[in-house]
Amino acid sequence: MIIDCGSCTVAGAACDDCVVTVLLGPMPTAERPLTSDGCSSDIAVAVPEIPDEHAAAVAVLAETGLIPPLRLVTRAS
């Protein structure tokens, strides 16, 4: 699973209740942009790919209500 927060059409509005924020912390914003090493001033940016077996585990945790679901919404191609 590849999570590209930059392509999310609800980024900002849905971030607080998204599994990415819960597991990895807030993503960089205009107020906290990425530096040349790929990090913002105070957080690390996650590897954008999650192995399928981990994605399945995240889905189970979300389905049971232990973590919020992935809120990624992208434009239809």
PDB file of N, CA and C in Angstrom:
ATOM      1  N   MET A   1       0.847  -1.164   0.000  1.00  0.00           N
ATOM      2  CA  MET A   1       0.000   0.000   0.000  1.00  0.00           C
ATOM      3  C   MET A   1       0.899   1.235   0.000  1.00  0.00           C
ATOM      4  N   ILE A   2       0.635   2.139  -0.914  1.00  0.00           N
ATOM      5  CA  ILE A   2       1.357   3.399  -0.972  1.00  0.00           C
ATOM      6  C   ILE A   2       0.390   4.505  -0.573  1.00  0.00           C
ATOM      7  N   ILE A   3       0.787   5.305   0.404  1.00  0.00           N
ATOM      8  CA  ILE A   3      -0.048   6.394   0.889  1.00  0.00           C
ATOM      9  C   ILE A   3       0.611   7.703   0.481  1.00  0.00           C
ATOM     10  N   ASP A   4      -0.019   8.404  -0.429  1.00  0.00           N
ATOM     11  CA  ASP A   4       0.511   9.677  -0.906  1.00  0.00           C
ATOM     12  C   ASP A   4      -0.374  10.799  -0.381  1.00  0.00           C
ATOM     13  N   CYS A   5      -0.018  11.325   0.780  1.00  0.00           N
ATOM     14  CA  CYS A   5      -0.815  12.392   1.390  1.00  0.00           C
ATOM     15  C   CYS A   5      -0.859  13.633   0.511  1.00  0.00           C
ATOM     16  N   GLY A   6       0.135  13.822  -0.336  1.00  0.00           N
ATOM     17  CA  GLY A   6       0.148  14.965  -1.229  1.00  0.00           C
ATOM     18  C   GLY A   6      -0.942  14.924  -2.277  1.00  0.00           C
ATOM     19  N   SER A   7      -1.467  13.732  -2.576  1.00  0.00           N
ATOM     20  CA  SER A   7      -2.536  13.617  -3.563  1.00  0.00           C
ATOM     21  C   SER A   7      -3.915  13.525  -2.922  1.00  0.00           C
ATOM     22  N   CYS A   8      -3.986  13.604  -1.615  1.00  0.00           N
ATOM     23  CA  CYS A   8      -5.264  13.475  -0.907  1.00  0.00           C
ATOM     24  C   CYS A   8      -6.075  14.757  -1.056  1.00  0.00           C
ATOM     25  N   THR A   9      -7.314  14.615  -1.524  1.00  0.00           N
ATOM     26  CA  THR A   9      -8.161  15.783  -1.743  1.00  0.00           C
ATOM     27  C   THR A   9      -8.790  16.306  -0.461  1.00  0.00           C
ATOM     28  N   VAL A  10      -8.716  15.557   0.634  1.00  0.00           N
ATOM     29  CA  VAL A  10      -9.259  16.015   1.914  1.00  0.00           C
ATOM     30  C   VAL A  10      -8.146  16.271   2.932  1.00  0.00           C
ATOM     31  N   ALA A  11      -6.915  16.398   2.443  1.00  0.00           N
ATOM     32  CA  ALA A  11      -5.787  16.656   3.336  1.00  0.00           C
ATOM     33  C   ALA A  11      -6.044  17.929   4.128  1.00  0.00           C
ATOM     34  N   GLY A  12      -5.720  17.881   5.377  1.00  0.00           N
ATOM     35  CA  GLY A  12      -5.976  18.999   6.279  1.00  0.00           C
ATOM     36  C   GLY A  12      -7.284  18.806   7.003  1.00  0.00           C
ATOM     37  N   ALA A  13      -8.368  18.675   6.261  1.00  0.00           N
ATOM     38  CA  ALA A  13      -9.688  18.517   6.869  1.00  0.00           C
ATOM     39  C   ALA A  13      -9.864  17.161   7.547  1.00  0.00           C
ATOM     40  N   ALA A  14      -9.274  16.114   6.987  1.00  0.00           N
ATOM     41  CA  ALA A  14      -9.466  14.767   7.530  1.00  0.00           C
ATOM     42  C   ALA A  14      -8.232  14.213   8.229  1.00  0.00           C
ATOM     43  N   CYS A  15      -7.167  14.968   8.285  1.00  0.00           N
ATOM     44  CA  CYS A  15      -5.906  14.449   8.840  1.00  0.00           C
ATOM     45  C   CYS A  15      -5.997  14.056  10.311  1.00  0.00           C
ATOM     46  N   ASP A  16      -6.746  14.833  11.108  1.00  0.00           N
ATOM     47  CA  ASP A  16      -6.813  14.554  12.539  1.00  0.00           C
ATOM     48  C   ASP A  16      -7.431  13.198  12.844  1.00  0.00           C
ATOM     49  N   ASP A  17      -8.266  12.679  11.939  1.00  0.00           N
ATOM     50  CA  ASP A  17      -8.931  11.398  12.158  1.00  0.00           C
ATOM     51  C   ASP A  17      -8.486  10.366  11.129  1.00  0.00           C
ATOM     52  N   CYS A  18      -7.221  10.425  10.743  1.00  0.00           N
ATOM     53  CA  CYS A  18      -6.674   9.493   9.758  1.00  0.00           C
ATOM     54  C   CYS A  18      -5.616   8.620  10.423  1.00  0.00           C
ATOM     55  N   VAL A  19      -5.540   7.382  10.023  1.00  0.00           N
ATOM     56  CA  VAL A  19      -4.582   6.451  10.602  1.00  0.00           C
ATOM     57  C   VAL A  19      -3.139   6.913  10.397  1.00  0.00           C
ATOM     58  N   VAL A  20      -2.861   7.620   9.322  1.00  0.00           N
ATOM     59  CA  VAL A  20      -1.495   8.104   9.075  1.00  0.00           C
ATOM     60  C   VAL A  20      -1.060   9.030  10.210  1.00  0.00           C
ATOM     61  N   THR A  21      -1.928   9.949  10.596  1.00  0.00           N
ATOM     62  CA  THR A  21      -1.607  10.873  11.680  1.00  0.00           C
ATOM     63  C   THR A  21      -1.468  10.137  13.006  1.00  0.00           C
ATOM     64  N   VAL A  22      -2.331   9.163  13.247  1.00  0.00           N
ATOM     65  CA  VAL A  22      -2.280   8.407  14.502  1.00  0.00           C
ATOM     66  C   VAL A  22      -0.989   7.607  14.614  1.00  0.00           C
ATOM     67  N   LEU A  23      -0.606   6.944  13.540  1.00  0.00           N
ATOM     68  CA  LEU A  23       0.580   6.083  13.598  1.00  0.00           C
ATOM     69  C   LEU A  23       1.889   6.832  13.383  1.00  0.00           C
ATOM     70  N   LEU A  24       1.883   7.870  12.558  1.00  0.00           N
ATOM     71  CA  LEU A  24       3.133   8.513  12.164  1.00  0.00           C
ATOM     72  C   LEU A  24       3.267   9.955  12.615  1.00  0.00           C
ATOM     73  N   GLY A  25       2.218  10.537  13.136  1.00  0.00           N
ATOM     74  CA  GLY A  25       2.253  11.932  13.530  1.00  0.00           C
ATOM     75  C   GLY A  25       1.794  12.804  12.399  1.00  0.00           C
ATOM     76  N   PRO A  26       1.655  14.100  12.650  1.00  0.00           N
ATOM     77  CA  PRO A  26       1.157  14.999  11.613  1.00  0.00           C
ATOM     78  C   PRO A  26       2.114  15.112  10.446  1.00  0.00           C
ATOM     79  N   MET A  27       1.546  15.214   9.256  1.00  0.00           N
ATOM     80  CA  MET A  27       2.344  15.359   8.058  1.00  0.00           C
ATOM     81  C   MET A  27       2.765  16.819   7.915  1.00  0.00           C
ATOM     82  N   PRO A  28       3.812  17.077   7.157  1.00  0.00           N
ATOM     83  CA  PRO A  28       4.272  18.453   6.961  1.00  0.00           C
ATOM     84  C   PRO A  28       3.190  19.325   6.316  1.00  0.00           C
ATOM     85  N   THR A  29       3.182  20.589   6.685  1.00  0.00           N
ATOM     86  CA  THR A  29       2.238  21.552   6.118  1.00  0.00           C
ATOM     87  C   THR A  29       3.023  22.762   5.634  1.00  0.00           C
ATOM     88  N   ALA A  30       2.322  23.742   5.142  1.00  0.00           N
ATOM     89  CA  ALA A  30       2.997  24.967   4.708  1.00  0.00           C
ATOM     90  C   ALA A  30       3.718  25.627   5.884  1.00  0.00           C
ATOM     91  N   GLU A  31       3.151  25.477   7.090  1.00  0.00           N
ATOM     92  CA  GLU A  31       3.782  26.057   8.268  1.00  0.00           C
ATOM     93  C   GLU A  31       4.998  25.242   8.717  1.00  0.00           C
ATOM     94  N   ARG A  32       5.021  23.945   8.372  1.00  0.00           N
ATOM     95  CA  ARG A  32       6.122  23.058   8.740  1.00  0.00           C
ATOM     96  C   ARG A  32       6.562  22.281   7.512  1.00  0.00           C
ATOM     97  N   PRO A  33       7.199  22.945   6.547  1.00  0.00           N
ATOM     98  CA  PRO A  33       7.569  22.286   5.290  1.00  0.00           C
ATOM     99  C   PRO A  33       8.715  21.301   5.471  1.00  0.00           C
ATOM    100  N   LEU A  34       8.888  20.457   4.461  1.00  0.00           N
ATOM    101  CA  LEU A  34       9.994  19.511   4.455  1.00  0.00           C
ATOM    102  C   LEU A  34      11.314  20.241   4.255  1.00  0.00           C
ATOM    103  N   THR A  35      12.350  19.716   4.878  1.00  0.00           N
ATOM    104  CA  THR A  35      13.691  20.223   4.646  1.00  0.00           C
ATOM    105  C   THR A  35      14.341  19.365   3.574  1.00  0.00           C
ATOM    106  N   SER A  36      15.554  19.663   3.201  1.00  0.00           N
ATOM    107  CA  SER A  36      16.217  18.925   2.126  1.00  0.00           C
ATOM    108  C   SER A  36      16.442  17.457   2.466  1.00  0.00           C
ATOM    109  N   ASP A  37      16.438  17.096   3.750  1.00  0.00           N
ATOM    110  CA  ASP A  37      16.640  15.696   4.127  1.00  0.00           C
ATOM    111  C   ASP A  37      15.326  14.919   4.209  1.00  0.00           C
ATOM    112  N   GLY A  38      14.206  15.534   3.807  1.00  0.00           N
ATOM    113  CA  GLY A  38      12.927  14.837   3.785  1.00  0.00           C
ATOM    114  C   GLY A  38      12.160  14.906   5.077  1.00  0.00           C
ATOM    115  N   CYS A  39      12.596  15.757   6.012  1.00  0.00           N
ATOM    116  CA  CYS A  39      11.915  15.874   7.299  1.00  0.00           C
ATOM    117  C   CYS A  39      11.399  17.290   7.480  1.00  0.00           C
ATOM    118  N   SER A  40      10.373  17.423   8.310  1.00  0.00           N
ATOM    119  CA  SER A  40       9.960  18.771   8.674  1.00  0.00           C
ATOM    120  C   SER A  40      10.779  19.169   9.888  1.00  0.00           C
ATOM    121  N   SER A  41      10.522  20.318  10.410  1.00  0.00           N
ATOM    122  CA  SER A  41      11.348  20.826  11.493  1.00  0.00           C
ATOM    123  C   SER A  41      11.319  19.956  12.739  1.00  0.00           C
ATOM    124  N   ASP A  42      10.218  19.249  12.988  1.00  0.00           N
ATOM    125  CA  ASP A  42      10.160  18.475  14.219  1.00  0.00           C
ATOM    126  C   ASP A  42       9.571  17.074  14.073  1.00  0.00           C
ATOM    127  N   ILE A  43       9.278  16.629  12.844  1.00  0.00           N
ATOM    128  CA  ILE A  43       8.765  15.276  12.659  1.00  0.00           C
ATOM    129  C   ILE A  43       9.442  14.612  11.485  1.00  0.00           C
ATOM    130  N   ALA A  44       9.492  13.307  11.520  1.00  0.00           N
ATOM    131  CA  ALA A  44      10.031  12.551  10.392  1.00  0.00           C
ATOM    132  C   ALA A  44       8.876  12.135   9.490  1.00  0.00           C
ATOM    133  N   VAL A  45       9.111  12.111   8.220  1.00  0.00           N
ATOM    134  CA  VAL A  45       8.107  11.672   7.257  1.00  0.00           C
ATOM    135  C   VAL A  45       8.262  10.179   7.053  1.00  0.00           C
ATOM    136  N   ALA A  46       7.162   9.487   7.067  1.00  0.00           N
ATOM    137  CA  ALA A  46       7.181   8.034   6.992  1.00  0.00           C
ATOM    138  C   ALA A  46       7.527   7.543   5.602  1.00  0.00           C
ATOM    139  N   VAL A  47       7.990   6.322   5.534  1.00  0.00           N
ATOM    140  CA  VAL A  47       8.196   5.644   4.259  1.00  0.00           C
ATOM    141  C   VAL A  47       6.818   5.483   3.626  1.00  0.00           C
ATOM    142  N   PRO A  48       6.648   5.868   2.380  1.00  0.00           N
ATOM    143  CA  PRO A  48       5.318   5.901   1.784  1.00  0.00           C
ATOM    144  C   PRO A  48       4.731   4.559   1.379  1.00  0.00           C
ATOM    145  N   GLU A  49       5.409   3.465   1.661  1.00  0.00           N
ATOM    146  CA  GLU A  49       4.870   2.161   1.279  1.00  0.00           C
ATOM    147  C   GLU A  49       4.759   1.269   2.503  1.00  0.00           C
ATOM    148  N   ILE A  50       3.601   0.642   2.659  1.00  0.00           N
ATOM    149  CA  ILE A  50       3.354  -0.284   3.764  1.00  0.00           C
ATOM    150  C   ILE A  50       3.173  -1.667   3.158  1.00  0.00           C
ATOM    151  N   PRO A  51       3.916  -2.682   3.627  1.00  0.00           N
ATOM    152  CA  PRO A  51       3.737  -4.037   3.084  1.00  0.00           C
ATOM    153  C   PRO A  51       2.292  -4.502   3.230  1.00  0.00           C
ATOM    154  N   ASP A  52       1.840  -5.318   2.295  1.00  0.00           N
ATOM    155  CA  ASP A  52       0.450  -5.766   2.285  1.00  0.00           C
ATOM    156  C   ASP A  52       0.016  -6.416   3.594  1.00  0.00           C
ATOM    157  N   GLU A  53       0.873  -7.223   4.216  1.00  0.00           N
ATOM    158  CA  GLU A  53       0.477  -7.878   5.466  1.00  0.00           C
ATOM    159  C   GLU A  53       0.290  -6.860   6.593  1.00  0.00           C
ATOM    160  N   HIS A  54       1.030  -5.761   6.556  1.00  0.00           N
ATOM    161  CA  HIS A  54       0.843  -4.706   7.552  1.00  0.00           C
ATOM    162  C   HIS A  54      -0.417  -3.906   7.249  1.00  0.00           C
ATOM    163  N   ALA A  55      -0.682  -3.685   5.974  1.00  0.00           N
ATOM    164  CA  ALA A  55      -1.900  -2.984   5.579  1.00  0.00           C
ATOM    165  C   ALA A  55      -3.127  -3.766   6.026  1.00  0.00           C
ATOM    166  N   ALA A  56      -3.065  -5.084   5.936  1.00  0.00           N
ATOM    167  CA  ALA A  56      -4.174  -5.927   6.385  1.00  0.00           C
ATOM    168  C   ALA A  56      -4.364  -5.797   7.901  1.00  0.00           C
ATOM    169  N   ALA A  57      -3.269  -5.739   8.639  1.00  0.00           N
ATOM    170  CA  ALA A  57      -3.352  -5.582  10.095  1.00  0.00           C
ATOM    171  C   ALA A  57      -3.936  -4.217  10.456  1.00  0.00           C
ATOM    172  N   VAL A  58      -3.529  -3.175   9.746  1.00  0.00           N
ATOM    173  CA  VAL A  58      -4.065  -1.835   9.979  1.00  0.00           C
ATOM    174  C   VAL A  58      -5.570  -1.828   9.693  1.00  0.00           C
ATOM    175  N   ALA A  59      -5.987  -2.499   8.643  1.00  0.00           N
ATOM    176  CA  ALA A  59      -7.412  -2.574   8.310  1.00  0.00           C
ATOM    177  C   ALA A  59      -8.205  -3.248   9.421  1.00  0.00           C
ATOM    178  N   VAL A  60      -7.673  -4.312   9.988  1.00  0.00           N
ATOM    179  CA  VAL A  60      -8.357  -5.011  11.089  1.00  0.00           C
ATOM    180  C   VAL A  60      -8.466  -4.096  12.307  1.00  0.00           C
ATOM    181  N   LEU A  61      -7.385  -3.400  12.641  1.00  0.00           N
ATOM    182  CA  LEU A  61      -7.418  -2.475  13.779  1.00  0.00           C
ATOM    183  C   LEU A  61      -8.443  -1.365  13.556  1.00  0.00           C
ATOM    184  N   ALA A  62      -8.536  -0.875  12.329  1.00  0.00           N
ATOM    185  CA  ALA A  62      -9.511   0.174  12.013  1.00  0.00           C
ATOM    186  C   ALA A  62     -10.937  -0.367  12.077  1.00  0.00           C
ATOM    187  N   GLU A  63     -11.153  -1.573  11.567  1.00  0.00           N
ATOM    188  CA  GLU A  63     -12.488  -2.175  11.571  1.00  0.00           C
ATOM    189  C   GLU A  63     -12.996  -2.415  12.985  1.00  0.00           C
ATOM    190  N   THR A  64     -12.082  -2.678  13.915  1.00  0.00           N
ATOM    191  CA  THR A  64     -12.489  -2.925  15.294  1.00  0.00           C
ATOM    192  C   THR A  64     -12.565  -1.648  16.121  1.00  0.00           C
ATOM    193  N   GLY A  65     -12.209  -0.520  15.525  1.00  0.00           N
ATOM    194  CA  GLY A  65     -12.313   0.758  16.209  1.00  0.00           C
ATOM    195  C   GLY A  65     -11.121   1.130  17.074  1.00  0.00           C
ATOM    196  N   LEU A  66     -10.036   0.371  16.995  1.00  0.00           N
ATOM    197  CA  LEU A  66      -8.864   0.680  17.806  1.00  0.00           C
ATOM    198  C   LEU A  66      -8.055   1.848  17.254  1.00  0.00           C
ATOM    199  N   ILE A  67      -8.117   2.058  15.955  1.00  0.00           N
ATOM    200  CA  ILE A  67      -7.468   3.193  15.312  1.00  0.00           C
ATOM    201  C   ILE A  67      -8.425   3.708  14.242  1.00  0.00           C
ATOM    202  N   PRO A  68      -8.283   4.978  13.844  1.00  0.00           N
ATOM    203  CA  PRO A  68      -9.150   5.460  12.766  1.00  0.00           C
ATOM    204  C   PRO A  68      -8.733   4.853  11.426  1.00  0.00           C
ATOM    205  N   PRO A  69      -9.635   4.827  10.466  1.00  0.00           N
ATOM    206  CA  PRO A  69      -9.294   4.284   9.145  1.00  0.00           C
ATOM    207  C   PRO A  69      -8.446   5.256   8.340  1.00  0.00           C
ATOM    208  N   LEU A  70      -7.916   4.779   7.255  1.00  0.00           N
ATOM    209  CA  LEU A  70      -7.213   5.628   6.302  1.00  0.00           C
ATOM    210  C   LEU A  70      -8.248   6.531   5.650  1.00  0.00           C
ATOM    211  N   ARG A  71      -8.034   7.823   5.696  1.00  0.00           N
ATOM    212  CA  ARG A  71      -8.991   8.787   5.144  1.00  0.00           C
ATOM    213  C   ARG A  71      -8.560   9.316   3.780  1.00  0.00           C
ATOM    214  N   LEU A  72      -7.594   8.679   3.156  1.00  0.00           N
ATOM    215  CA  LEU A  72      -7.059   9.121   1.863  1.00  0.00           C
ATOM    216  C   LEU A  72      -8.162   9.123   0.808  1.00  0.00           C
ATOM    217  N   VAL A  73      -8.361  10.266   0.169  1.00  0.00           N
ATOM    218  CA  VAL A  73      -9.309  10.411  -0.925  1.00  0.00           C
ATOM    219  C   VAL A  73      -8.549  11.071  -2.071  1.00  0.00           C
ATOM    220  N   THR A  74      -8.472  10.389  -3.216  1.00  0.00           N
ATOM    221  CA  THR A  74      -7.774  10.937  -4.362  1.00  0.00           C
ATOM    222  C   THR A  74      -8.759  11.177  -5.502  1.00  0.00           C
ATOM    223  N   ARG A  75      -8.353  12.030  -6.429  1.00  0.00           N
ATOM    224  CA  ARG A  75      -9.179  12.294  -7.610  1.00  0.00           C
ATOM    225  C   ARG A  75      -9.215  11.048  -8.484  1.00  0.00           C
ATOM    226  N   ALA A  76     -10.345  10.774  -9.096  1.00  0.00           N
ATOM    227  CA  ALA A  76     -10.458   9.650 -10.016  1.00  0.00           C
ATOM    228  C   ALA A  76      -9.663   9.965 -11.269  1.00  0.00           C
ATOM    229  N   SER A  77      -8.922   8.979 -11.737  1.00  0.00           N
ATOM    230  CA  SER A  77      -8.103   9.184 -12.939  1.00  0.00           C
ATOM    231  C   SER A  77      -8.942   9.130 -14.186  1.00  0.00           C
TER     232      SER A  77
END
